[in-house]
Amino acid sequence: MPRVKRGVTAKRRHKKFIKLADGFYGRKKDIYSWAKQQVQVGWAESFTGRKRRKRDFRSLWIVRINAACRDNNISYSKFMNGLKMANIELNRKQLAELAYNDAASFAKLADIAKEKVLAPQK
């Protein structure tokens, strides 16, 4: 049986991880076993980061809406409840955009929410 040289496949596999680890610090970019571990850690962190980004943006939107609500003398929870009672279906991203860029429109929404919350319930 003829001899089989196996270096080509292993080198190709190793080069793939070394290329992905380009830019890492120290041995993590040069040594295959270290590079492979670090690349896998990076993949795990990027997966987690994609989930975390959604949480971070939602909390940012809530902070912006709350600040604009306080400027209009209404609490965030009463504002959101008033919008729900008025059947205004704007999501937090849209509300934060309004609060940040168009304070006059947001003030009108705040007035509508105040009317609905403070009106006597039937």
N, C-alpha and C. Protein backbone atom coordinates (compact mmCIF):
# COMPACT_ATOMS: atom_id res chain seq x y z
N MET A 1 0.84 -1.17 0.00
CA MET A 1 0.00 0.00 0.00
C MET A 1 0.89 1.24 0.00
N PRO A 2 0.57 2.23 -0.87
CA PRO A 2 1.41 3.42 -0.96
C PRO A 2 1.24 4.33 0.27
N ARG A 3 2.27 5.08 0.51
CA ARG A 3 2.28 6.01 1.65
C ARG A 3 1.43 7.24 1.31
N VAL A 4 0.67 7.72 2.31
CA VAL A 4 -0.18 8.89 2.11
C VAL A 4 0.37 10.04 2.95
N LYS A 5 0.63 11.15 2.31
CA LYS A 5 1.09 12.33 3.03
C LYS A 5 -0.13 13.18 3.35
N ARG A 6 -0.30 13.52 4.64
CA ARG A 6 -1.55 14.14 5.08
C ARG A 6 -1.40 15.62 5.42
N GLY A 7 -0.28 16.22 5.07
CA GLY A 7 -0.04 17.58 5.52
C GLY A 7 -0.93 18.63 4.85
N VAL A 8 -1.38 18.37 3.63
CA VAL A 8 -2.09 19.40 2.88
C VAL A 8 -3.42 19.74 3.55
N THR A 9 -4.19 18.74 3.91
CA THR A 9 -5.50 18.97 4.51
C THR A 9 -5.37 19.66 5.86
N ALA A 10 -4.44 19.18 6.68
CA ALA A 10 -4.26 19.78 8.00
C ALA A 10 -3.80 21.23 7.87
N LYS A 11 -2.88 21.48 6.93
CA LYS A 11 -2.39 22.86 6.75
C LYS A 11 -3.52 23.78 6.31
N ARG A 12 -4.38 23.29 5.44
CA ARG A 12 -5.50 24.10 4.98
C ARG A 12 -6.44 24.42 6.14
N ARG A 13 -6.72 23.44 6.97
CA ARG A 13 -7.60 23.63 8.12
C ARG A 13 -6.97 24.62 9.11
N HIS A 14 -5.66 24.47 9.33
CA HIS A 14 -4.97 25.37 10.25
C HIS A 14 -4.95 26.80 9.72
N LYS A 15 -4.69 26.94 8.42
CA LYS A 15 -4.62 28.27 7.83
C LYS A 15 -5.95 29.01 7.96
N LYS A 16 -7.04 28.25 7.91
CA LYS A 16 -8.36 28.86 8.02
C LYS A 16 -8.52 29.58 9.36
N PHE A 17 -8.11 28.91 10.44
CA PHE A 17 -8.24 29.52 11.77
C PHE A 17 -7.21 30.62 11.97
N ILE A 18 -6.00 30.43 11.44
CA ILE A 18 -4.98 31.47 11.58
C ILE A 18 -5.44 32.75 10.88
N LYS A 19 -6.08 32.60 9.72
CA LYS A 19 -6.58 33.77 9.00
C LYS A 19 -7.70 34.45 9.78
N LEU A 20 -8.58 33.68 10.40
CA LEU A 20 -9.66 34.25 11.20
C LEU A 20 -9.12 34.97 12.44
N ALA A 21 -7.97 34.51 12.94
CA ALA A 21 -7.38 35.11 14.14
C ALA A 21 -6.47 36.28 13.81
N ASP A 22 -6.42 36.70 12.57
CA ASP A 22 -5.57 37.82 12.17
C ASP A 22 -6.01 39.08 12.92
N GLY A 23 -5.05 39.74 13.55
CA GLY A 23 -5.36 40.94 14.32
C GLY A 23 -5.41 40.69 15.81
N PHE A 24 -5.39 39.44 16.23
CA PHE A 24 -5.37 39.15 17.66
C PHE A 24 -3.96 39.42 18.19
N TYR A 25 -3.84 39.52 19.50
CA TYR A 25 -2.60 39.91 20.15
C TYR A 25 -1.80 38.68 20.56
N GLY A 26 -0.50 38.72 20.32
CA GLY A 26 0.41 37.69 20.82
C GLY A 26 0.28 36.36 20.09
N ARG A 27 0.41 35.28 20.87
CA ARG A 27 0.40 33.95 20.28
C ARG A 27 -0.97 33.56 19.72
N LYS A 28 -1.99 34.28 20.13
CA LYS A 28 -3.35 33.94 19.71
C LYS A 28 -3.53 34.07 18.21
N LYS A 29 -2.63 34.80 17.54
CA LYS A 29 -2.76 34.93 16.09
C LYS A 29 -1.84 34.00 15.32
N ASP A 30 -0.85 33.38 16.00
CA ASP A 30 0.16 32.60 15.31
C ASP A 30 0.03 31.09 15.53
N ILE A 31 -0.27 30.69 16.74
CA ILE A 31 -0.29 29.27 17.10
C ILE A 31 -1.69 28.72 16.85
N TYR A 32 -1.78 27.63 16.11
CA TYR A 32 -3.07 27.10 15.69
C TYR A 32 -3.99 26.81 16.87
N SER A 33 -3.50 26.11 17.89
CA SER A 33 -4.39 25.69 18.97
C SER A 33 -4.92 26.91 19.73
N TRP A 34 -4.08 27.92 19.93
CA TRP A 34 -4.50 29.13 20.61
C TRP A 34 -5.45 29.93 19.73
N ALA A 35 -5.11 30.00 18.45
CA ALA A 35 -5.95 30.76 17.53
C ALA A 35 -7.34 30.13 17.44
N LYS A 36 -7.39 28.82 17.39
CA LYS A 36 -8.68 28.14 17.28
C LYS A 36 -9.55 28.44 18.51
N GLN A 37 -8.94 28.35 19.68
CA GLN A 37 -9.69 28.64 20.91
C GLN A 37 -10.19 30.09 20.91
N GLN A 38 -9.32 31.01 20.54
CA GLN A 38 -9.69 32.42 20.60
C GLN A 38 -10.76 32.77 19.57
N VAL A 39 -10.70 32.16 18.40
CA VAL A 39 -11.71 32.40 17.37
C VAL A 39 -13.06 31.87 17.86
N GLN A 40 -13.06 30.71 18.49
CA GLN A 40 -14.32 30.17 19.00
C GLN A 40 -14.89 31.03 20.11
N VAL A 41 -14.02 31.58 20.97
CA VAL A 41 -14.48 32.52 22.00
C VAL A 41 -15.09 33.76 21.33
N GLY A 42 -14.44 34.22 20.29
CA GLY A 42 -14.95 35.39 19.56
C GLY A 42 -16.31 35.12 18.94
N TRP A 43 -16.50 33.93 18.37
CA TRP A 43 -17.80 33.58 17.82
C TRP A 43 -18.87 33.57 18.89
N ALA A 44 -18.55 33.02 20.05
CA ALA A 44 -19.51 32.97 21.16
C ALA A 44 -19.85 34.39 21.62
N GLU A 45 -18.84 35.25 21.73
CA GLU A 45 -19.09 36.62 22.16
C GLU A 45 -19.92 37.39 21.14
N SER A 46 -19.67 37.16 19.86
CA SER A 46 -20.42 37.89 18.84
C SER A 46 -21.88 37.43 18.83
N PHE A 47 -22.12 36.16 19.09
CA PHE A 47 -23.50 35.66 19.19
C PHE A 47 -24.20 36.33 20.36
N THR A 48 -23.52 36.38 21.51
CA THR A 48 -24.08 37.02 22.70
C THR A 48 -24.30 38.50 22.45
N GLY A 49 -23.36 39.14 21.77
CA GLY A 49 -23.46 40.57 21.49
C GLY A 49 -24.64 40.91 20.62
N ARG A 50 -24.96 40.05 19.66
CA ARG A 50 -26.12 40.30 18.81
C ARG A 50 -27.41 40.28 19.62
N LYS A 51 -27.47 39.44 20.63
CA LYS A 51 -28.65 39.40 21.51
C LYS A 51 -28.64 40.61 22.46
N ARG A 52 -27.46 40.94 22.98
CA ARG A 52 -27.34 42.04 23.94
C ARG A 52 -27.69 43.38 23.29
N ARG A 53 -27.33 43.54 22.02
CA ARG A 53 -27.59 44.80 21.32
C ARG A 53 -29.08 45.15 21.34
N LYS A 54 -29.93 44.15 21.18
CA LYS A 54 -31.38 44.38 21.18
C LYS A 54 -31.83 44.89 22.54
N ARG A 55 -31.29 44.30 23.61
CA ARG A 55 -31.63 44.73 24.97
C ARG A 55 -31.16 46.16 25.20
N ASP A 56 -29.93 46.44 24.78
CA ASP A 56 -29.34 47.76 25.03
C ASP A 56 -30.14 48.86 24.33
N PHE A 57 -30.54 48.59 23.08
CA PHE A 57 -31.29 49.61 22.36
C PHE A 57 -32.66 49.83 22.98
N ARG A 58 -33.33 48.76 23.41
CA ARG A 58 -34.64 48.93 24.05
C ARG A 58 -34.51 49.78 25.31
N SER A 59 -33.49 49.53 26.12
CA SER A 59 -33.33 50.33 27.34
C SER A 59 -32.99 51.78 26.99
N LEU A 60 -32.22 52.03 25.93
CA LEU A 60 -31.93 53.39 25.50
C LEU A 60 -33.21 54.11 25.09
N TRP A 61 -34.07 53.42 24.32
CA TRP A 61 -35.33 54.03 23.90
C TRP A 61 -36.19 54.39 25.11
N ILE A 62 -36.24 53.49 26.09
CA ILE A 62 -37.05 53.75 27.28
C ILE A 62 -36.51 54.95 28.04
N VAL A 63 -35.19 55.08 28.15
CA VAL A 63 -34.59 56.22 28.83
C VAL A 63 -34.95 57.52 28.10
N ARG A 64 -34.89 57.52 26.79
CA ARG A 64 -35.21 58.73 26.03
C ARG A 64 -36.68 59.09 26.16
N ILE A 65 -37.54 58.10 26.09
CA ILE A 65 -38.98 58.36 26.24
C ILE A 65 -39.26 58.89 27.63
N ASN A 66 -38.67 58.29 28.63
CA ASN A 66 -38.89 58.71 30.01
C ASN A 66 -38.44 60.16 30.21
N ALA A 67 -37.29 60.53 29.67
CA ALA A 67 -36.81 61.90 29.82
C ALA A 67 -37.77 62.89 29.17
N ALA A 68 -38.27 62.54 27.98
CA ALA A 68 -39.22 63.43 27.30
C ALA A 68 -40.54 63.49 28.05
N CYS A 69 -40.95 62.38 28.64
CA CYS A 69 -42.19 62.36 29.44
C CYS A 69 -42.04 63.29 30.64
N ARG A 70 -40.91 63.24 31.32
CA ARG A 70 -40.69 64.08 32.49
C ARG A 70 -40.71 65.56 32.10
N ASP A 71 -40.23 65.88 30.90
CA ASP A 71 -40.30 67.26 30.43
C ASP A 71 -41.75 67.70 30.23
N ASN A 72 -42.63 66.73 29.93
CA ASN A 72 -44.04 67.02 29.70
C ASN A 72 -44.91 66.70 30.93
N ASN A 73 -44.28 66.56 32.09
CA ASN A 73 -44.98 66.36 33.36
C ASN A 73 -45.88 65.13 33.39
N ILE A 74 -45.37 64.03 32.92
CA ILE A 74 -46.09 62.76 33.00
C ILE A 74 -45.04 61.66 33.20
N SER A 75 -45.40 60.64 33.95
CA SER A 75 -44.45 59.55 34.15
C SER A 75 -44.47 58.62 32.94
N TYR A 76 -43.41 57.85 32.80
CA TYR A 76 -43.29 56.93 31.66
C TYR A 76 -44.42 55.92 31.66
N SER A 77 -44.72 55.34 32.83
CA SER A 77 -45.74 54.29 32.88
C SER A 77 -47.13 54.85 32.56
N LYS A 78 -47.42 56.04 33.06
CA LYS A 78 -48.73 56.66 32.75
C LYS A 78 -48.81 57.04 31.28
N PHE A 79 -47.69 57.49 30.73
CA PHE A 79 -47.65 57.84 29.31
C PHE A 79 -47.94 56.62 28.44
N MET A 80 -47.26 55.52 28.73
CA MET A 80 -47.46 54.30 27.93
C MET A 80 -48.89 53.77 28.11
N ASN A 81 -49.41 53.84 29.34
CA ASN A 81 -50.77 53.40 29.59
C ASN A 81 -51.78 54.28 28.85
N GLY A 82 -51.54 55.59 28.86
CA GLY A 82 -52.42 56.51 28.15
C GLY A 82 -52.42 56.27 26.65
N LEU A 83 -51.26 55.99 26.09
CA LEU A 83 -51.20 55.69 24.65
C LEU A 83 -51.95 54.41 24.34
N LYS A 84 -51.83 53.42 25.20
CA LYS A 84 -52.53 52.16 24.99
C LYS A 84 -54.04 52.38 25.06
N MET A 85 -54.49 53.19 26.03
CA MET A 85 -55.92 53.47 26.17
C MET A 85 -56.45 54.28 24.99
N ALA A 86 -55.59 55.11 24.37
CA ALA A 86 -55.98 55.92 23.22
C ALA A 86 -55.84 55.15 21.91
N ASN A 87 -55.45 53.90 21.99
CA ASN A 87 -55.25 53.04 20.80
C ASN A 87 -54.21 53.63 19.84
N ILE A 88 -53.18 54.21 20.39
CA ILE A 88 -52.05 54.70 19.60
C ILE A 88 -50.98 53.62 19.66
N GLU A 89 -50.71 53.00 18.54
CA GLU A 89 -49.79 51.86 18.51
C GLU A 89 -48.46 52.27 17.88
N LEU A 90 -47.67 52.99 18.64
CA LEU A 90 -46.31 53.32 18.24
C LEU A 90 -45.37 52.53 19.14
N ASN A 91 -44.37 51.93 18.52
CA ASN A 91 -43.43 51.17 19.35
C ASN A 91 -42.41 52.11 20.00
N ARG A 92 -41.63 51.56 20.90
CA ARG A 92 -40.71 52.38 21.67
C ARG A 92 -39.62 53.02 20.80
N LYS A 93 -39.24 52.34 19.75
CA LYS A 93 -38.23 52.90 18.84
C LYS A 93 -38.78 54.16 18.17
N GLN A 94 -40.02 54.10 17.70
CA GLN A 94 -40.63 55.26 17.06
C GLN A 94 -40.85 56.40 18.05
N LEU A 95 -41.30 56.05 19.25
CA LEU A 95 -41.52 57.07 20.27
C LEU A 95 -40.21 57.75 20.66
N ALA A 96 -39.14 56.97 20.79
CA ALA A 96 -37.84 57.54 21.14
C ALA A 96 -37.35 58.46 20.03
N GLU A 97 -37.59 58.08 18.79
CA GLU A 97 -37.20 58.91 17.66
C GLU A 97 -37.95 60.24 17.70
N LEU A 98 -39.26 60.18 17.98
CA LEU A 98 -40.05 61.40 18.11
C LEU A 98 -39.55 62.26 19.26
N ALA A 99 -39.29 61.64 20.39
CA ALA A 99 -38.84 62.38 21.57
C ALA A 99 -37.51 63.06 21.29
N TYR A 100 -36.64 62.42 20.53
CA TYR A 100 -35.30 62.93 20.28
C TYR A 100 -35.30 64.03 19.22
N ASN A 101 -36.11 63.84 18.14
CA ASN A 101 -36.03 64.74 16.99
C ASN A 101 -37.20 65.70 16.86
N ASP A 102 -38.37 65.37 17.43
CA ASP A 102 -39.56 66.20 17.21
C ASP A 102 -40.31 66.35 18.53
N ALA A 103 -39.86 67.28 19.34
CA ALA A 103 -40.42 67.44 20.68
C ALA A 103 -41.87 67.91 20.64
N ALA A 104 -42.24 68.68 19.62
CA ALA A 104 -43.62 69.20 19.54
C ALA A 104 -44.62 68.05 19.34
N SER A 105 -44.28 67.14 18.45
CA SER A 105 -45.17 65.98 18.21
C SER A 105 -45.25 65.12 19.46
N PHE A 106 -44.14 64.95 20.13
CA PHE A 106 -44.14 64.14 21.34
C PHE A 106 -44.99 64.80 22.43
N ALA A 107 -44.94 66.13 22.49
CA ALA A 107 -45.75 66.85 23.48
C ALA A 107 -47.24 66.63 23.22
N LYS A 108 -47.63 66.59 21.94
CA LYS A 108 -49.04 66.32 21.61
C LYS A 108 -49.43 64.91 22.05
N LEU A 109 -48.54 63.96 21.82
CA LEU A 109 -48.81 62.59 22.28
C LEU A 109 -48.92 62.54 23.80
N ALA A 110 -48.07 63.30 24.48
CA ALA A 110 -48.11 63.34 25.94
C ALA A 110 -49.44 63.92 26.42
N ASP A 111 -49.92 64.97 25.74
CA ASP A 111 -51.22 65.55 26.11
C ASP A 111 -52.35 64.54 25.91
N ILE A 112 -52.32 63.80 24.83
CA ILE A 112 -53.34 62.78 24.59
C ILE A 112 -53.29 61.73 25.69
N ALA A 113 -52.08 61.30 26.04
CA ALA A 113 -51.93 60.29 27.09
C ALA A 113 -52.44 60.81 28.43
N LYS A 114 -52.16 62.09 28.74
CA LYS A 114 -52.63 62.69 30.00
C LYS A 114 -54.16 62.70 30.04
N GLU A 115 -54.79 63.07 28.93
CA GLU A 115 -56.25 63.10 28.88
C GLU A 115 -56.85 61.73 29.16
N LYS A 116 -56.27 60.72 28.54
CA LYS A 116 -56.80 59.36 28.69
C LYS A 116 -56.59 58.83 30.11
N VAL A 117 -55.44 59.13 30.70
CA VAL A 117 -55.13 58.60 32.02
C VAL A 117 -55.95 59.34 33.09
N LEU A 118 -56.09 60.65 32.95
CA LEU A 118 -56.75 61.44 33.97
C LEU A 118 -58.28 61.48 33.82
N ALA A 119 -58.78 61.02 32.66
CA ALA A 119 -60.22 61.02 32.44
C ALA A 119 -60.88 59.99 33.36
N PRO A 120 -62.09 60.27 33.88
CA PRO A 120 -62.77 59.29 34.74
C PRO A 120 -63.10 58.02 33.97
N GLN A 121 -62.86 56.89 34.59
CA GLN A 121 -63.11 55.60 33.95
C GLN A 121 -64.60 55.27 33.98
N LYS A 122 -65.10 54.67 32.92
CA LYS A 122 -66.51 54.27 32.85
C LYS A 122 -66.66 52.80 33.13
